[in-house]
Amino acid sequence: MGSLVTALQKIQSQFGYLKREPLKQYSEQTRVPLYRLHSVASFFPHFQLTPPKPVTLKICRDMACHMAGSGKMLRDLKDSLGKDNGARMIHVEGVSCLGRCDRAPAACVSVTGAEHDYFYLKRSADELKEIAQDWLRGEARPADRDIDQPFSPAPVTVDPYAGKSPEYAAVMRAIRIRDDHREIILEDRAKSVTGWTRAAWIVE
């Protein structure tokens, strides 16, 4: 599959999407059925079988970004850009994890003809709308850099007892149950050993 993916990447890099004619030509040259190429292309979300819009705005919708409000952001952007952009030159879509859970909500912009995407972190819906429109006008907006982001020294922990006395009631109860069961098992073993000892004495 690796060679197929590489070939598809080259075609998409050249035409902006997986154009049918180059796909058909590659299929004839390599004797890989066209349906096989389509099955590989449909498996990977970054491949496109139709001409892309000049600008695509991708909003992460996975857990960290969803908790940071990306769901509402995605709906608002689809609504506002759909109304303001009559020619539908900007495509807005939700995507899986962009790998920036630490800077949620994360978004990226894909520009037709560009070599890579541009990532924007912790931006509001209005900011992302403005960024996408600037790219559409040909005004490049630099991607956000980690070094420019505010840093909080607060530790990142998952502690259900934060701000409370560390009773750990559930853990302590589990330990008591374990110890009680252990005592019962030891008692049963002792009775079993005693029984066998008595039986051996009677036989003798």
N, C-alpha and C. Protein backbone atom coordinates (compact mmCIF):
# COMPACT_ATOMS: atom_id res chain seq x y z
N MET A 1 0.83 -1.21 0.00
CA MET A 1 0.00 0.00 0.00
C MET A 1 0.86 1.26 0.00
N GLY A 2 2.08 1.15 0.55
CA GLY A 2 2.94 2.32 0.67
C GLY A 2 3.21 2.98 -0.66
N SER A 3 3.51 2.17 -1.70
CA SER A 3 3.80 2.74 -3.01
C SER A 3 2.57 3.40 -3.62
N LEU A 4 1.39 2.83 -3.36
CA LEU A 4 0.15 3.43 -3.86
C LEU A 4 -0.09 4.78 -3.23
N VAL A 5 0.11 4.85 -1.92
CA VAL A 5 -0.09 6.12 -1.21
C VAL A 5 0.86 7.18 -1.75
N THR A 6 2.12 6.81 -1.97
CA THR A 6 3.10 7.75 -2.51
C THR A 6 2.68 8.25 -3.89
N ALA A 7 2.21 7.34 -4.73
CA ALA A 7 1.76 7.72 -6.07
C ALA A 7 0.57 8.66 -6.01
N LEU A 8 -0.37 8.36 -5.12
CA LEU A 8 -1.55 9.22 -4.97
C LEU A 8 -1.16 10.59 -4.45
N GLN A 9 -0.20 10.64 -3.55
CA GLN A 9 0.27 11.91 -3.02
C GLN A 9 0.88 12.77 -4.13
N LYS A 10 1.62 12.15 -5.01
CA LYS A 10 2.24 12.89 -6.11
C LYS A 10 1.18 13.47 -7.04
N ILE A 11 0.16 12.66 -7.34
CA ILE A 11 -0.93 13.14 -8.21
C ILE A 11 -1.66 14.30 -7.56
N GLN A 12 -1.98 14.15 -6.28
CA GLN A 12 -2.71 15.22 -5.60
C GLN A 12 -1.86 16.48 -5.46
N SER A 13 -0.56 16.30 -5.24
CA SER A 13 0.33 17.46 -5.13
C SER A 13 0.40 18.22 -6.45
N GLN A 14 0.31 17.50 -7.56
CA GLN A 14 0.40 18.14 -8.88
C GLN A 14 -0.89 18.84 -9.29
N PHE A 15 -2.03 18.22 -9.01
CA PHE A 15 -3.30 18.74 -9.50
C PHE A 15 -4.18 19.34 -8.40
N GLY A 16 -3.79 19.15 -7.13
CA GLY A 16 -4.61 19.66 -6.03
C GLY A 16 -5.65 18.67 -5.56
N TYR A 17 -5.88 17.65 -6.36
CA TYR A 17 -6.80 16.57 -5.99
C TYR A 17 -6.49 15.38 -6.88
N LEU A 18 -7.15 14.26 -6.66
CA LEU A 18 -6.90 13.06 -7.44
C LEU A 18 -7.74 13.10 -8.72
N LYS A 19 -7.16 13.72 -9.69
CA LYS A 19 -7.84 13.88 -10.98
C LYS A 19 -8.00 12.53 -11.66
N ARG A 20 -9.11 12.33 -12.33
CA ARG A 20 -9.42 10.99 -12.88
C ARG A 20 -8.42 10.58 -13.97
N GLU A 21 -8.07 11.50 -14.85
CA GLU A 21 -7.19 11.14 -15.97
C GLU A 21 -5.83 10.62 -15.50
N PRO A 22 -5.14 11.31 -14.58
CA PRO A 22 -3.87 10.78 -14.07
C PRO A 22 -4.04 9.46 -13.33
N LEU A 23 -5.16 9.31 -12.61
CA LEU A 23 -5.42 8.04 -11.92
C LEU A 23 -5.56 6.90 -12.93
N LYS A 24 -6.29 7.17 -14.00
CA LYS A 24 -6.50 6.16 -15.03
C LYS A 24 -5.17 5.80 -15.71
N GLN A 25 -4.35 6.82 -15.98
CA GLN A 25 -3.05 6.59 -16.60
C GLN A 25 -2.14 5.74 -15.70
N TYR A 26 -2.13 6.08 -14.41
CA TYR A 26 -1.32 5.30 -13.46
C TYR A 26 -1.83 3.87 -13.37
N SER A 27 -3.14 3.69 -13.39
CA SER A 27 -3.74 2.36 -13.32
C SER A 27 -3.31 1.51 -14.51
N GLU A 28 -3.29 2.11 -15.70
CA GLU A 28 -2.89 1.38 -16.91
C GLU A 28 -1.41 1.04 -16.89
N GLN A 29 -0.59 1.96 -16.37
CA GLN A 29 0.86 1.73 -16.35
C GLN A 29 1.26 0.65 -15.35
N THR A 30 0.59 0.63 -14.22
CA THR A 30 0.97 -0.29 -13.14
C THR A 30 0.09 -1.53 -13.07
N ARG A 31 -1.00 -1.53 -13.85
CA ARG A 31 -1.98 -2.63 -13.83
C ARG A 31 -2.65 -2.79 -12.47
N VAL A 32 -2.70 -1.69 -11.74
CA VAL A 32 -3.47 -1.66 -10.49
C VAL A 32 -4.87 -1.19 -10.84
N PRO A 33 -5.90 -1.98 -10.55
CA PRO A 33 -7.27 -1.59 -10.92
C PRO A 33 -7.65 -0.23 -10.36
N LEU A 34 -8.44 0.48 -11.13
CA LEU A 34 -8.85 1.82 -10.72
C LEU A 34 -9.64 1.78 -9.42
N TYR A 35 -10.44 0.73 -9.24
CA TYR A 35 -11.22 0.63 -8.00
C TYR A 35 -10.31 0.48 -6.79
N ARG A 36 -9.14 -0.15 -7.01
CA ARG A 36 -8.17 -0.31 -5.92
C ARG A 36 -7.60 1.04 -5.52
N LEU A 37 -7.31 1.89 -6.48
CA LEU A 37 -6.82 3.23 -6.19
C LEU A 37 -7.87 4.04 -5.44
N HIS A 38 -9.11 3.90 -5.84
CA HIS A 38 -10.19 4.63 -5.17
C HIS A 38 -10.39 4.12 -3.74
N SER A 39 -10.22 2.82 -3.53
CA SER A 39 -10.39 2.28 -2.18
C SER A 39 -9.31 2.82 -1.25
N VAL A 40 -8.07 2.93 -1.75
CA VAL A 40 -6.99 3.49 -0.94
C VAL A 40 -7.24 4.97 -0.69
N ALA A 41 -7.65 5.69 -1.72
CA ALA A 41 -7.88 7.13 -1.58
C ALA A 41 -9.01 7.43 -0.59
N SER A 42 -10.05 6.59 -0.61
CA SER A 42 -11.18 6.84 0.29
C SER A 42 -10.86 6.48 1.74
N PHE A 43 -9.81 5.67 1.95
CA PHE A 43 -9.43 5.27 3.31
C PHE A 43 -8.75 6.41 4.05
N PHE A 44 -7.95 7.20 3.33
CA PHE A 44 -7.21 8.30 3.96
C PHE A 44 -7.95 9.61 3.75
N PRO A 45 -8.30 10.30 4.85
CA PRO A 45 -9.14 11.50 4.73
C PRO A 45 -8.48 12.68 4.02
N HIS A 46 -7.13 12.70 3.90
CA HIS A 46 -6.50 13.86 3.28
C HIS A 46 -6.52 13.80 1.75
N PHE A 47 -6.92 12.65 1.18
CA PHE A 47 -7.03 12.58 -0.27
C PHE A 47 -8.39 13.13 -0.71
N GLN A 48 -8.39 13.84 -1.82
CA GLN A 48 -9.62 14.44 -2.35
C GLN A 48 -9.84 13.97 -3.77
N LEU A 49 -11.06 13.55 -4.05
CA LEU A 49 -11.41 13.07 -5.38
C LEU A 49 -12.11 14.13 -6.21
N THR A 50 -12.38 15.28 -5.62
CA THR A 50 -13.00 16.39 -6.34
C THR A 50 -12.14 17.64 -6.16
N PRO A 51 -12.21 18.57 -7.08
CA PRO A 51 -11.40 19.80 -6.96
C PRO A 51 -11.69 20.53 -5.65
N PRO A 52 -10.66 20.84 -4.88
CA PRO A 52 -10.88 21.51 -3.60
C PRO A 52 -11.19 22.98 -3.78
N LYS A 53 -11.80 23.56 -2.76
CA LYS A 53 -11.97 25.00 -2.74
C LYS A 53 -10.60 25.65 -2.56
N PRO A 54 -10.46 26.91 -2.92
CA PRO A 54 -9.16 27.58 -2.75
C PRO A 54 -8.65 27.52 -1.32
N VAL A 55 -9.57 27.61 -0.36
CA VAL A 55 -9.18 27.58 1.06
C VAL A 55 -10.08 26.58 1.79
N THR A 56 -9.46 25.71 2.57
CA THR A 56 -10.21 24.78 3.41
C THR A 56 -9.83 25.02 4.86
N LEU A 57 -10.83 25.29 5.68
CA LEU A 57 -10.63 25.51 7.10
C LEU A 57 -11.06 24.25 7.85
N LYS A 58 -10.11 23.64 8.56
CA LYS A 58 -10.37 22.38 9.26
C LYS A 58 -10.39 22.63 10.76
N ILE A 59 -11.47 22.20 11.41
CA ILE A 59 -11.63 22.36 12.85
C ILE A 59 -11.59 20.99 13.52
N CYS A 60 -10.69 20.84 14.49
CA CYS A 60 -10.62 19.57 15.20
C CYS A 60 -11.88 19.37 16.04
N ARG A 61 -12.42 18.15 15.98
CA ARG A 61 -13.65 17.87 16.72
C ARG A 61 -13.47 16.73 17.73
N ASP A 62 -12.21 16.33 17.98
CA ASP A 62 -11.97 15.26 18.94
C ASP A 62 -12.08 15.79 20.37
N MET A 63 -11.87 14.91 21.36
CA MET A 63 -12.28 15.18 22.73
C MET A 63 -11.76 16.49 23.31
N ALA A 64 -10.45 16.71 23.28
CA ALA A 64 -9.89 17.91 23.92
C ALA A 64 -10.46 19.17 23.30
N CYS A 65 -10.52 19.21 21.97
CA CYS A 65 -11.03 20.40 21.29
C CYS A 65 -12.54 20.53 21.45
N HIS A 66 -13.23 19.39 21.46
CA HIS A 66 -14.68 19.43 21.69
C HIS A 66 -14.99 20.02 23.06
N MET A 67 -14.22 19.63 24.07
CA MET A 67 -14.42 20.17 25.41
C MET A 67 -14.11 21.66 25.46
N ALA A 68 -13.29 22.12 24.51
CA ALA A 68 -12.93 23.54 24.45
C ALA A 68 -13.88 24.34 23.55
N GLY A 69 -14.95 23.68 23.08
CA GLY A 69 -15.98 24.41 22.33
C GLY A 69 -15.87 24.33 20.82
N SER A 70 -15.11 23.36 20.29
CA SER A 70 -14.93 23.32 18.84
C SER A 70 -16.21 22.94 18.09
N GLY A 71 -17.12 22.22 18.77
CA GLY A 71 -18.37 21.84 18.12
C GLY A 71 -19.19 23.06 17.74
N LYS A 72 -19.37 23.96 18.68
CA LYS A 72 -20.12 25.20 18.40
C LYS A 72 -19.36 26.06 17.40
N MET A 73 -18.03 26.09 17.54
CA MET A 73 -17.20 26.87 16.62
C MET A 73 -17.39 26.38 15.18
N LEU A 74 -17.42 25.06 15.00
CA LEU A 74 -17.59 24.49 13.67
C LEU A 74 -18.95 24.87 13.09
N ARG A 75 -19.99 24.78 13.90
CA ARG A 75 -21.34 25.15 13.42
C ARG A 75 -21.41 26.64 13.06
N ASP A 76 -20.83 27.48 13.91
CA ASP A 76 -20.87 28.93 13.65
C ASP A 76 -20.11 29.30 12.39
N LEU A 77 -18.95 28.67 12.18
CA LEU A 77 -18.15 28.98 11.00
C LEU A 77 -18.82 28.50 9.72
N LYS A 78 -19.43 27.32 9.77
CA LYS A 78 -20.15 26.83 8.58
C LYS A 78 -21.30 27.77 8.24
N ASP A 79 -21.96 28.25 9.28
CA ASP A 79 -23.11 29.13 9.07
C ASP A 79 -22.66 30.49 8.54
N SER A 80 -21.68 31.10 9.19
CA SER A 80 -21.27 32.45 8.81
C SER A 80 -20.55 32.49 7.47
N LEU A 81 -19.62 31.56 7.24
CA LEU A 81 -18.91 31.56 5.97
C LEU A 81 -19.81 31.11 4.82
N GLY A 82 -20.79 30.29 5.13
CA GLY A 82 -21.74 29.89 4.10
C GLY A 82 -22.58 31.05 3.62
N LYS A 83 -22.90 31.96 4.53
CA LYS A 83 -23.71 33.12 4.16
C LYS A 83 -22.87 34.22 3.52
N ASP A 84 -21.70 34.48 4.12
CA ASP A 84 -20.87 35.59 3.65
C ASP A 84 -20.11 35.25 2.39
N ASN A 85 -19.92 33.99 2.11
CA ASN A 85 -19.09 33.57 0.99
C ASN A 85 -19.98 32.95 -0.09
N GLY A 86 -20.65 33.81 -0.85
CA GLY A 86 -21.63 33.33 -1.81
C GLY A 86 -21.06 32.37 -2.84
N ALA A 87 -19.80 32.57 -3.23
CA ALA A 87 -19.19 31.70 -4.24
C ALA A 87 -18.72 30.38 -3.65
N ARG A 88 -18.87 30.23 -2.35
CA ARG A 88 -18.44 29.00 -1.67
C ARG A 88 -16.97 28.71 -1.94
N MET A 89 -16.15 29.73 -1.77
CA MET A 89 -14.72 29.59 -2.04
C MET A 89 -13.96 29.08 -0.84
N ILE A 90 -14.61 29.06 0.32
CA ILE A 90 -13.98 28.55 1.54
C ILE A 90 -14.78 27.34 2.02
N HIS A 91 -14.09 26.24 2.19
CA HIS A 91 -14.75 25.03 2.68
C HIS A 91 -14.41 24.84 4.16
N VAL A 92 -15.42 24.60 4.97
CA VAL A 92 -15.22 24.39 6.41
C VAL A 92 -15.61 22.95 6.73
N GLU A 93 -14.75 22.25 7.46
CA GLU A 93 -15.05 20.87 7.79
C GLU A 93 -14.48 20.50 9.15
N GLY A 94 -15.10 19.52 9.78
CA GLY A 94 -14.58 18.98 11.03
C GLY A 94 -13.66 17.81 10.73
N VAL A 95 -12.59 17.72 11.47
CA VAL A 95 -11.61 16.65 11.24
C VAL A 95 -11.24 15.99 12.56
N SER A 96 -10.57 14.84 12.45
CA SER A 96 -10.07 14.16 13.64
C SER A 96 -8.82 14.87 14.15
N CYS A 97 -8.28 14.34 15.23
CA CYS A 97 -7.22 15.00 15.99
C CYS A 97 -6.13 15.60 15.12
N LEU A 98 -5.80 16.86 15.38
CA LEU A 98 -4.72 17.56 14.68
C LEU A 98 -3.41 17.48 15.46
N GLY A 99 -3.45 16.78 16.59
CA GLY A 99 -2.23 16.60 17.36
C GLY A 99 -1.86 17.79 18.23
N ARG A 100 -2.81 18.68 18.48
CA ARG A 100 -2.54 19.84 19.31
C ARG A 100 -3.55 19.94 20.44
N CYS A 101 -3.73 18.83 21.15
CA CYS A 101 -4.67 18.78 22.27
C CYS A 101 -4.28 19.76 23.37
N ASP A 102 -2.98 20.09 23.45
CA ASP A 102 -2.52 21.00 24.49
C ASP A 102 -2.86 22.45 24.20
N ARG A 103 -3.31 22.74 22.98
CA ARG A 103 -3.65 24.11 22.59
C ARG A 103 -5.07 24.16 22.02
N ALA A 104 -5.97 23.44 22.63
CA ALA A 104 -7.34 23.36 22.12
C ALA A 104 -8.08 24.69 22.30
N PRO A 105 -8.98 24.99 21.34
CA PRO A 105 -9.29 24.23 20.14
C PRO A 105 -8.28 24.50 19.03
N ALA A 106 -7.97 23.45 18.28
CA ALA A 106 -6.98 23.55 17.21
C ALA A 106 -7.68 23.59 15.85
N ALA A 107 -7.07 24.32 14.93
CA ALA A 107 -7.60 24.42 13.57
C ALA A 107 -6.43 24.54 12.61
N CYS A 108 -6.68 24.22 11.35
CA CYS A 108 -5.64 24.43 10.35
C CYS A 108 -6.30 24.85 9.04
N VAL A 109 -5.52 25.55 8.24
CA VAL A 109 -5.98 26.03 6.95
C VAL A 109 -5.16 25.38 5.85
N SER A 110 -5.85 24.81 4.87
CA SER A 110 -5.21 24.25 3.69
C SER A 110 -5.49 25.18 2.52
N VAL A 111 -4.43 25.58 1.84
CA VAL A 111 -4.55 26.48 0.70
C VAL A 111 -4.13 25.73 -0.55
N THR A 112 -4.97 25.75 -1.56
CA THR A 112 -4.65 25.04 -2.80
C THR A 112 -3.32 25.53 -3.36
N GLY A 113 -2.43 24.59 -3.62
CA GLY A 113 -1.12 24.93 -4.16
C GLY A 113 -0.03 25.07 -3.11
N ALA A 114 -0.43 25.15 -1.82
CA ALA A 114 0.55 25.27 -0.75
C ALA A 114 1.13 23.91 -0.42
N GLU A 115 2.37 23.91 0.05
CA GLU A 115 3.04 22.65 0.34
C GLU A 115 2.57 22.01 1.65
N HIS A 116 2.08 22.83 2.58
CA HIS A 116 1.67 22.28 3.87
C HIS A 116 0.53 23.11 4.45
N ASP A 117 -0.07 22.59 5.51
CA ASP A 117 -1.16 23.29 6.18
C ASP A 117 -0.60 24.30 7.18
N TYR A 118 -1.47 25.21 7.59
CA TYR A 118 -1.10 26.24 8.57
C TYR A 118 -1.98 26.08 9.80
N PHE A 119 -1.35 25.89 10.94
CA PHE A 119 -2.07 25.59 12.17
C PHE A 119 -2.28 26.85 13.00
N TYR A 120 -3.51 26.93 13.58
CA TYR A 120 -3.87 28.06 14.43
C TYR A 120 -4.45 27.49 15.73
N LEU A 121 -3.96 28.01 16.84
CA LEU A 121 -4.24 27.39 18.14
C LEU A 121 -4.98 28.34 19.07
N LYS A 122 -5.98 27.81 19.75
CA LYS A 122 -6.76 28.57 20.72
C LYS A 122 -7.38 29.84 20.12
N ARG A 123 -7.77 29.77 18.87
CA ARG A 123 -8.38 30.92 18.20
C ARG A 123 -9.90 30.88 18.35
N SER A 124 -10.50 32.04 18.30
CA SER A 124 -11.96 32.12 18.34
C SER A 124 -12.52 31.91 16.94
N ALA A 125 -13.82 31.71 16.86
CA ALA A 125 -14.46 31.52 15.55
C ALA A 125 -14.28 32.76 14.68
N ASP A 126 -14.41 33.94 15.27
CA ASP A 126 -14.25 35.18 14.50
C ASP A 126 -12.83 35.31 13.97
N GLU A 127 -11.84 34.94 14.78
CA GLU A 127 -10.45 35.02 14.34
C GLU A 127 -10.19 34.06 13.18
N LEU A 128 -10.72 32.85 13.29
CA LEU A 128 -10.51 31.86 12.22
C LEU A 128 -11.22 32.28 10.94
N LYS A 129 -12.37 32.88 11.08
CA LYS A 129 -13.09 33.38 9.90
C LYS A 129 -12.26 34.45 9.20
N GLU A 130 -11.70 35.35 9.95
CA GLU A 130 -10.87 36.42 9.38
C GLU A 130 -9.62 35.84 8.72
N ILE A 131 -9.00 34.85 9.38
CA ILE A 131 -7.80 34.21 8.83
C ILE A 131 -8.11 33.55 7.49
N ALA A 132 -9.20 32.79 7.43
CA ALA A 132 -9.57 32.11 6.19
C ALA A 132 -9.85 33.11 5.08
N GLN A 133 -10.54 34.20 5.39
CA GLN A 133 -10.84 35.21 4.38
C GLN A 133 -9.58 35.92 3.90
N ASP A 134 -8.62 36.13 4.80
CA ASP A 134 -7.35 36.73 4.39
C ASP A 134 -6.61 35.81 3.41
N TRP A 135 -6.59 34.52 3.72
CA TRP A 135 -5.94 33.57 2.81
C TRP A 135 -6.63 33.58 1.45
N LEU A 136 -7.94 33.70 1.43
CA LEU A 136 -8.69 33.72 0.17
C LEU A 136 -8.32 34.94 -0.66
N ARG A 137 -8.03 36.05 0.01
CA ARG A 137 -7.63 37.28 -0.69
C ARG A 137 -6.15 37.26 -1.08
N GLY A 138 -5.47 36.19 -0.70
CA GLY A 138 -4.05 36.09 -1.03
C GLY A 138 -3.14 36.71 0.01
N GLU A 139 -3.72 37.04 1.17
CA GLU A 139 -2.93 37.62 2.26
C GLU A 139 -2.54 36.51 3.22
N ALA A 140 -1.28 36.11 3.17
CA ALA A 140 -0.81 35.00 3.99
C ALA A 140 -0.85 35.36 5.47
N ARG A 141 -1.37 34.45 6.27
CA ARG A 141 -1.40 34.60 7.72
C ARG A 141 -0.47 33.57 8.34
N PRO A 142 0.62 33.99 8.97
CA PRO A 142 1.57 33.03 9.55
C PRO A 142 0.88 32.10 10.53
N ALA A 143 1.33 30.87 10.54
CA ALA A 143 0.80 29.89 11.49
C ALA A 143 1.23 30.26 12.90
N ASP A 144 0.44 29.83 13.87
CA ASP A 144 0.78 30.07 15.28
C ASP A 144 1.98 29.20 15.66
N ARG A 145 2.84 29.78 16.50
CA ARG A 145 4.01 29.04 16.99
C ARG A 145 3.89 28.84 18.49
N ASP A 146 4.38 27.70 18.96
CA ASP A 146 4.32 27.41 20.39
C ASP A 146 5.04 28.46 21.22
N ILE A 147 6.14 28.97 20.69
CA ILE A 147 6.94 29.93 21.45
C ILE A 147 6.17 31.22 21.72
N ASP A 148 5.17 31.49 20.89
CA ASP A 148 4.38 32.71 21.05
C ASP A 148 3.14 32.50 21.92
N GLN A 149 2.87 31.26 22.31
CA GLN A 149 1.68 30.95 23.09
C GLN A 149 1.95 31.14 24.57
N PRO A 150 0.96 31.60 25.33
CA PRO A 150 1.13 31.74 26.79
C PRO A 150 1.36 30.38 27.43
N PHE A 151 2.23 30.37 28.43
CA PHE A 151 2.56 29.12 29.12
C PHE A 151 2.11 29.21 30.56
N SER A 152 1.45 28.16 31.03
CA SER A 152 1.01 28.09 32.42
C SER A 152 1.84 27.05 33.15
N PRO A 153 2.49 27.42 34.26
CA PRO A 153 3.29 26.44 34.99
C PRO A 153 2.46 25.50 35.83
N ALA A 154 1.14 25.69 35.83
CA ALA A 154 0.29 24.84 36.66
C ALA A 154 0.41 23.39 36.20
N PRO A 155 0.52 22.45 37.14
CA PRO A 155 0.66 21.04 36.75
C PRO A 155 -0.62 20.51 36.12
N VAL A 156 -0.46 19.66 35.16
CA VAL A 156 -1.60 19.04 34.49
C VAL A 156 -1.86 17.70 35.18
N THR A 157 -2.91 17.63 35.98
CA THR A 157 -3.21 16.41 36.72
C THR A 157 -4.69 16.07 36.59
N VAL A 158 -4.98 14.82 36.77
CA VAL A 158 -6.37 14.37 36.82
C VAL A 158 -6.59 13.85 38.22
N ASP A 159 -7.17 14.66 39.10
CA ASP A 159 -7.32 14.31 40.51
C ASP A 159 -8.75 14.61 40.94
N PRO A 160 -9.57 13.60 41.11
CA PRO A 160 -10.96 13.83 41.52
C PRO A 160 -11.06 14.40 42.93
N TYR A 161 -9.97 14.37 43.72
CA TYR A 161 -10.00 14.87 45.08
C TYR A 161 -9.37 16.27 45.18
N ALA A 162 -9.14 16.91 44.05
CA ALA A 162 -8.51 18.24 44.08
C ALA A 162 -9.35 19.21 44.91
N GLY A 163 -8.69 19.87 45.84
CA GLY A 163 -9.39 20.83 46.70
C GLY A 163 -10.13 20.19 47.84
N LYS A 164 -10.05 18.87 47.98
CA LYS A 164 -10.74 18.16 49.05
C LYS A 164 -9.71 17.35 49.84
N SER A 165 -10.13 16.90 51.00
CA SER A 165 -9.25 16.04 51.78
C SER A 165 -9.08 14.71 51.06
N PRO A 166 -7.85 14.20 50.95
CA PRO A 166 -7.60 12.96 50.19
C PRO A 166 -8.07 11.72 50.94
N GLU A 167 -9.37 11.52 50.98
CA GLU A 167 -9.93 10.37 51.70
C GLU A 167 -9.73 9.07 50.92
N TYR A 168 -9.79 9.16 49.59
CA TYR A 168 -9.66 7.98 48.74
C TYR A 168 -10.55 6.85 49.25
N ALA A 169 -11.81 7.18 49.49
CA ALA A 169 -12.75 6.23 50.09
C ALA A 169 -12.88 4.95 49.26
N ALA A 170 -12.97 5.09 47.94
CA ALA A 170 -13.16 3.91 47.09
C ALA A 170 -11.95 2.99 47.17
N VAL A 171 -10.76 3.58 47.17
CA VAL A 171 -9.54 2.78 47.25
C VAL A 171 -9.45 2.07 48.60
N MET A 172 -9.75 2.80 49.67
CA MET A 172 -9.67 2.21 51.00
C MET A 172 -10.67 1.08 51.16
N ARG A 173 -11.85 1.24 50.58
CA ARG A 173 -12.86 0.18 50.66
C ARG A 173 -12.38 -1.06 49.90
N ALA A 174 -11.77 -0.85 48.74
CA ALA A 174 -11.25 -1.97 47.96
C ALA A 174 -10.18 -2.73 48.73
N ILE A 175 -9.33 -1.98 49.44
CA ILE A 175 -8.27 -2.62 50.24
C ILE A 175 -8.87 -3.44 51.37
N ARG A 176 -9.92 -2.90 52.04
CA ARG A 176 -10.56 -3.65 53.13
C ARG A 176 -11.18 -4.94 52.62
N ILE A 177 -11.86 -4.86 51.49
CA ILE A 177 -12.48 -6.06 50.91
C ILE A 177 -11.41 -7.09 50.57
N ARG A 178 -10.29 -6.62 49.98
CA ARG A 178 -9.20 -7.53 49.65
C ARG A 178 -8.67 -8.22 50.90
N ASP A 179 -8.46 -7.44 51.97
CA ASP A 179 -7.91 -8.01 53.21
C ASP A 179 -8.89 -9.00 53.84
N ASP A 180 -10.19 -8.65 53.80
CA ASP A 180 -11.20 -9.56 54.36
C ASP A 180 -11.20 -10.88 53.60
N HIS A 181 -11.14 -10.81 52.30
CA HIS A 181 -11.13 -12.03 51.50
C HIS A 181 -9.87 -12.84 51.75
N ARG A 182 -8.77 -12.15 51.95
CA ARG A 182 -7.51 -12.85 52.22
C ARG A 182 -7.59 -13.62 53.53
N GLU A 183 -8.21 -13.02 54.57
CA GLU A 183 -8.36 -13.69 55.86
C GLU A 183 -9.24 -14.93 55.73
N ILE A 184 -10.33 -14.81 54.96
CA ILE A 184 -11.22 -15.96 54.76
C ILE A 184 -10.49 -17.10 54.06
N ILE A 185 -9.70 -16.75 53.04
CA ILE A 185 -8.94 -17.78 52.31
C ILE A 185 -7.93 -18.47 53.23
N LEU A 186 -7.24 -17.67 54.07
CA LEU A 186 -6.25 -18.26 54.98
C LEU A 186 -6.91 -19.18 56.00
N GLU A 187 -8.09 -18.77 56.50
CA GLU A 187 -8.82 -19.61 57.44
C GLU A 187 -9.24 -20.93 56.79
N ASP A 188 -9.72 -20.84 55.56
CA ASP A 188 -10.14 -22.06 54.85
C ASP A 188 -8.96 -23.00 54.64
N ARG A 189 -7.83 -22.44 54.31
CA ARG A 189 -6.64 -23.26 54.11
C ARG A 189 -6.20 -23.92 55.42
N ALA A 190 -6.28 -23.15 56.50
CA ALA A 190 -5.88 -23.71 57.81
C ALA A 190 -6.79 -24.86 58.19
N LYS A 191 -8.09 -24.70 57.96
CA LYS A 191 -9.03 -25.78 58.28
C LYS A 191 -8.75 -27.01 57.42
N SER A 192 -8.43 -26.75 56.16
CA SER A 192 -8.15 -27.86 55.26
C SER A 192 -6.91 -28.63 55.69
N VAL A 193 -5.86 -27.92 56.08
CA VAL A 193 -4.62 -28.56 56.54
C VAL A 193 -4.87 -29.34 57.82
N THR A 194 -5.63 -28.76 58.75
CA THR A 194 -5.95 -29.44 60.02
C THR A 194 -6.73 -30.72 59.76
N GLY A 195 -7.67 -30.66 58.84
CA GLY A 195 -8.46 -31.83 58.49
C GLY A 195 -7.60 -32.95 57.95
N TRP A 196 -6.67 -32.60 57.07
CA TRP A 196 -5.78 -33.63 56.51
C TRP A 196 -4.86 -34.21 57.58
N THR A 197 -4.43 -33.39 58.53
CA THR A 197 -3.56 -33.87 59.61
C THR A 197 -4.28 -34.89 60.49
N ARG A 198 -5.53 -34.57 60.83
CA ARG A 198 -6.34 -35.47 61.67
C ARG A 198 -6.57 -36.79 60.94
N ALA A 199 -6.87 -36.70 59.65
CA ALA A 199 -7.13 -37.93 58.87
C ALA A 199 -5.89 -38.82 58.84
N ALA A 200 -4.72 -38.22 58.68
CA ALA A 200 -3.48 -38.98 58.66
C ALA A 200 -3.23 -39.64 60.02
N TRP A 201 -3.58 -38.95 61.14
CA TRP A 201 -3.38 -39.51 62.49
C TRP A 201 -4.27 -40.70 62.72
N ILE A 202 -5.52 -40.64 62.20
CA ILE A 202 -6.47 -41.75 62.39
C ILE A 202 -5.99 -42.96 61.62
N VAL A 203 -5.49 -42.76 60.40
CA VAL A 203 -5.01 -43.88 59.57
C VAL A 203 -3.84 -44.58 60.26
N GLU A 204 -2.96 -43.79 60.84
CA GLU A 204 -1.80 -44.36 61.52
C GLU A 204 -2.26 -45.17 62.73
